Amino acid sequence: MAPTDDTTGELSRLLRASLMTLAETGQVDAACRMAGEACRILRHDQPRNWQIFNALLHRLSARAPAVGERRAEEARRL
């Protein structure tokens, strides 16, 4: 479903593209968290735009590391 043709719709398109780019650089977890936050913000007042981020979140979450894997990697970096 396409976003609405208003300011929120334009910003949603920009944020979605940015989150996809972030995920492509290996920051899938961060992109998922931000997509989830966008869902929370848009859910009640902007259902068409919410659906865009909900779909993105589901698509990206399949590529996100498991919670235990992410924590183990963070510990190795320290």
Protein backbone atom coordinates (compact mmCIF):
# COMPACT_ATOMS: atom_id res chain seq x y z
CA MET A 1 0.00 0.00 0.00
CA ALA A 2 1.37 3.43 -0.91
CA PRO A 3 1.76 6.07 1.79
CA THR A 4 -0.58 9.02 1.86
CA ASP A 5 0.28 12.07 -0.26
CA ASP A 6 0.85 14.43 2.66
CA THR A 7 3.85 15.54 4.67
CA THR A 8 3.71 12.45 6.85
CA GLY A 9 3.61 10.30 3.73
CA GLU A 10 6.65 12.04 2.28
CA LEU A 11 8.55 11.66 5.54
CA SER A 12 7.49 8.02 5.74
CA ARG A 13 8.96 7.34 2.29
CA LEU A 14 12.20 9.06 3.29
CA LEU A 15 12.45 7.20 6.60
CA ARG A 16 11.66 3.85 4.97
CA ALA A 17 14.41 4.35 2.39
CA SER A 18 16.82 5.37 5.14
CA LEU A 19 15.99 2.33 7.25
CA MET A 20 16.46 0.03 4.26
CA THR A 21 19.88 1.60 3.63
CA LEU A 22 20.78 1.21 7.30
CA ALA A 23 19.84 -2.47 7.18
CA GLU A 24 21.89 -2.97 4.01
CA THR A 25 24.95 -1.68 5.84
CA GLY A 26 24.59 -4.42 8.44
CA GLN A 27 22.61 -2.47 11.03
CA VAL A 28 19.49 -4.61 10.74
CA ASP A 29 18.76 -4.56 14.47
CA ALA A 30 18.88 -0.76 14.62
CA ALA A 31 16.68 -0.49 11.52
CA CYS A 32 14.15 -2.88 13.12
CA ARG A 33 14.05 -0.87 16.33
CA MET A 34 13.45 2.37 14.42
CA ALA A 35 10.79 0.78 12.19
CA GLY A 36 9.07 -0.47 15.35
CA GLU A 37 9.14 3.03 16.81
CA ALA A 38 7.66 4.42 13.59
CA CYS A 39 4.89 1.82 13.88
CA ARG A 40 4.16 2.94 17.42
CA ILE A 41 3.99 6.60 16.41
CA LEU A 42 1.81 6.09 13.32
CA ARG A 43 -0.43 3.23 14.42
CA HIS A 44 -3.58 5.07 15.48
CA ASP A 45 -3.55 8.27 13.43
CA GLN A 46 -1.84 7.18 10.19
CA PRO A 47 -2.82 3.57 9.47
CA ARG A 48 -1.69 3.66 5.83
CA ASN A 49 1.77 4.87 6.80
CA TRP A 50 1.83 2.48 9.77
CA GLN A 51 1.31 -0.41 7.38
CA ILE A 52 4.47 0.55 5.45
CA PHE A 53 6.64 0.34 8.55
CA ASN A 54 4.87 -2.76 9.83
CA ALA A 55 5.66 -4.54 6.55
CA LEU A 56 9.25 -3.26 6.63
CA LEU A 57 9.68 -4.42 10.22
CA HIS A 58 8.47 -7.92 9.35
CA ARG A 59 10.74 -8.09 6.31
CA LEU A 60 13.80 -6.87 8.22
CA SER A 61 13.18 -8.94 11.34
CA ALA A 62 13.74 -12.10 9.30
CA ARG A 63 17.30 -10.83 8.71
CA ALA A 64 17.96 -9.62 12.27
CA PRO A 65 20.31 -11.61 14.49
CA ALA A 66 18.84 -13.62 17.33
CA VAL A 67 18.89 -11.78 20.66
CA GLY A 68 21.58 -14.03 22.13
CA GLU A 69 23.75 -13.70 19.03
CA ARG A 70 23.62 -9.93 19.15
CA ARG A 71 24.60 -9.78 22.81
CA ALA A 72 27.46 -12.22 22.27
CA GLU A 73 28.79 -10.11 19.41
CA GLU A 74 28.52 -6.91 21.49
CA ALA A 75 30.49 -8.61 24.31
CA ARG A 76 33.24 -9.64 21.86
CA ARG A 77 33.61 -6.02 20.73
CA LEU A 78 34.28 -4.86 24.29
